[in-house]
C-alpha atoms as a PDB file:
ATOM      1  CA  MET A   1      22.445 -50.188 -12.720  1.00  0.00           C
ATOM      2  CA  THR A   2      19.462 -47.968 -13.052  1.00  0.00           C
ATOM      3  CA  SER A   3      18.617 -45.193 -10.667  1.00  0.00           C
ATOM      4  CA  GLU A   4      15.486 -45.176  -8.542  1.00  0.00           C
ATOM      5  CA  THR A   5      13.961 -42.499 -10.776  1.00  0.00           C
ATOM      6  CA  GLU A   6      14.632 -44.547 -13.917  1.00  0.00           C
ATOM      7  CA  MET A   7      13.055 -47.625 -12.292  1.00  0.00           C
ATOM      8  CA  THR A   8       9.990 -45.590 -11.348  1.00  0.00           C
ATOM      9  CA  VAL A   9       9.639 -44.365 -14.935  1.00  0.00           C
ATOM     10  CA  MET A  10      10.039 -47.925 -16.295  1.00  0.00           C
ATOM     11  CA  ILE A  11       7.362 -49.251 -13.934  1.00  0.00           C
ATOM     12  CA  GLU A  12       5.006 -46.371 -14.761  1.00  0.00           C
ATOM     13  CA  ASN A  13       5.501 -46.908 -18.510  1.00  0.00           C
ATOM     14  CA  ARG A  14       4.843 -50.656 -18.149  1.00  0.00           C
ATOM     15  CA  LEU A  15       1.685 -50.026 -16.142  1.00  0.00           C
ATOM     16  CA  HIS A  16       0.446 -47.318 -18.511  1.00  0.00           C
ATOM     17  CA  HIS A  17       1.005 -49.553 -21.529  1.00  0.00           C
ATOM     18  CA  VAL A  18      -1.091 -52.348 -20.006  1.00  0.00           C
ATOM     19  CA  ARG A  19      -3.806 -49.939 -18.877  1.00  0.00           C
ATOM     20  CA  ASP A  20      -3.988 -48.323 -22.300  1.00  0.00           C
ATOM     21  CA  ALA A  21      -3.514 -51.376 -24.537  1.00  0.00           C
ATOM     22  CA  THR A  22      -5.638 -53.844 -22.542  1.00  0.00           C
ATOM     23  CA  PHE A  23      -8.259 -51.616 -20.949  1.00  0.00           C
ATOM     24  CA  ARG A  24      -8.144 -48.822 -23.579  1.00  0.00           C
ATOM     25  CA  GLU A  25      -7.959 -46.297 -20.792  1.00  0.00           C
ATOM     26  CA  ASP A  26      -7.219 -43.318 -23.033  1.00  0.00           C
ATOM     27  CA  LEU A  27     -10.523 -43.848 -24.867  1.00  0.00           C
ATOM     28  CA  HIS A  28     -12.727 -43.900 -21.756  1.00  0.00           C
ATOM     29  CA  GLN A  29     -15.239 -41.102 -21.343  1.00  0.00           C
ATOM     30  CA  ALA A  30     -15.127 -40.852 -17.523  1.00  0.00           C
ATOM     31  CA  ARG A  31     -13.743 -37.349 -17.089  1.00  0.00           C
ATOM     32  CA  THR A  32     -15.456 -35.761 -14.074  1.00  0.00           C
ATOM     33  CA  GLY A  33     -15.728 -36.312 -10.357  1.00  0.00           C
ATOM     34  CA  THR A  34     -14.134 -39.379  -8.838  1.00  0.00           C
ATOM     35  CA  GLY A  35     -14.974 -41.609 -11.820  1.00  0.00           C
ATOM     36  CA  PRO A  36     -11.513 -41.582 -13.412  1.00  0.00           C
ATOM     37  CA  ALA A  37      -9.741 -42.284 -10.110  1.00  0.00           C
ATOM     38  CA  VAL A  38     -12.106 -45.124  -9.229  1.00  0.00           C
ATOM     39  CA  LEU A  39     -11.752 -46.757 -12.644  1.00  0.00           C
ATOM     40  CA  ALA A  40      -7.953 -46.407 -12.514  1.00  0.00           C
ATOM     41  CA  ALA A  41      -7.916 -48.031  -9.063  1.00  0.00           C
ATOM     42  CA  LEU A  42     -10.026 -50.945 -10.330  1.00  0.00           C
ATOM     43  CA  ARG A  43      -7.748 -51.420 -13.344  1.00  0.00           C
ATOM     44  CA  ASN A  44      -4.630 -51.303 -11.153  1.00  0.00           C
ATOM     45  CA  THR A  45      -6.187 -53.822  -8.754  1.00  0.00           C
ATOM     46  CA  SER A  46      -6.961 -56.154 -11.636  1.00  0.00           C
ATOM     47  CA  ILE A  47      -3.446 -55.885 -13.058  1.00  0.00           C
ATOM     48  CA  GLY A  48      -1.870 -56.374  -9.636  1.00  0.00           C
ATOM     49  CA  TYR A  49      -4.055 -59.375  -8.839  1.00  0.00           C
ATOM     50  CA  HIS A  50      -3.121 -61.143 -12.058  1.00  0.00           C
ATOM     51  CA  ARG A  51       0.589 -60.313 -11.760  1.00  0.00           C
ATOM     52  CA  THR A  52       0.620 -61.548  -8.153  1.00  0.00           C
ATOM     53  CA  ASN A  53      -0.708 -64.854  -9.451  1.00  0.00           C
ATOM     54  CA  GLY A  54       2.179 -65.115 -11.895  1.00  0.00           C
ATOM     55  CA  GLU A  55       0.394 -64.045 -15.052  1.00  0.00           C
ATOM     56  CA  ALA A  56       2.579 -62.172 -17.522  1.00  0.00           C
ATOM     57  CA  ASN A  57      -0.027 -61.638 -20.260  1.00  0.00           C
ATOM     58  CA  ILE A  58      -2.656 -59.409 -18.658  1.00  0.00           C
ATOM     59  CA  ALA A  59      -4.712 -59.164 -21.859  1.00  0.00           C
ATOM     60  CA  ARG A  60      -5.049 -62.953 -22.082  1.00  0.00           C
ATOM     61  CA  VAL A  61      -6.115 -63.426 -18.455  1.00  0.00           C
ATOM     62  CA  THR A  62      -8.537 -60.504 -18.720  1.00  0.00           C
ATOM     63  CA  ARG A  63     -10.238 -62.155 -21.707  1.00  0.00           C
ATOM     64  CA  ARG A  64     -10.350 -65.449 -19.791  1.00  0.00           C
ATOM     65  CA  ALA A  65     -11.851 -63.711 -16.756  1.00  0.00           C
ATOM     66  CA  ASN A  66     -14.475 -62.069 -18.977  1.00  0.00           C
ATOM     67  CA  ARG A  67     -15.496 -65.463 -20.365  1.00  0.00           C
ATOM     68  CA  ARG A  68     -15.467 -67.201 -16.968  1.00  0.00           C
ATOM     69  CA  PRO A  69     -16.498 -64.651 -14.323  1.00  0.00           C
ATOM     70  CA  HIS A  70     -17.524 -67.327 -11.804  1.00  0.00           C
ATOM     71  CA  ASP A  71     -13.933 -68.624 -11.669  1.00  0.00           C
ATOM     72  CA  LEU A  72     -12.644 -65.146 -10.884  1.00  0.00           C
ATOM     73  CA  ILE A  73     -15.293 -64.527  -8.217  1.00  0.00           C
ATOM     74  CA  THR A  74     -14.478 -67.872  -6.593  1.00  0.00           C
ATOM     75  CA  ALA A  75     -10.744 -67.136  -6.653  1.00  0.00           C
ATOM     76  CA  VAL A  76     -11.189 -63.699  -5.089  1.00  0.00           C
ATOM     77  CA  THR A  77     -13.677 -64.735  -2.408  1.00  0.00           C
ATOM     78  CA  SER A  78     -12.258 -68.113  -1.363  1.00  0.00           C
ATOM     79  CA  THR A  79     -10.077 -68.500   1.712  1.00  0.00           C
ATOM     80  CA  TYR A  80      -7.258 -70.028  -0.304  1.00  0.00           C
ATOM     81  CA  PRO A  81      -7.442 -68.418  -3.759  1.00  0.00           C
ATOM     82  CA  THR A  82      -6.012 -70.376  -6.641  1.00  0.00           C
ATOM     83  CA  THR A  83      -5.776 -69.584 -10.298  1.00  0.00           C
ATOM     84  CA  GLN A  84      -5.652 -71.825 -13.295  1.00  0.00           C
END
């Protein structure tokens, strides 16, 4: 079994990898004020939303959402959200 600290590190590494590989977070230029925190919160929300809907490949669903923004807006704003 893994300790709570080890689990926290594993989760943080998994999240950081997705944020850096998919959203290229380390290359972003937002460095001052609340910009970095706001962008990180938006990225985390996006990742969490897709994982909650059972998506394992965040990069793939992000590309799909970029191509079909109306589907994503409908899913987020509808009373009973569904994903494809």
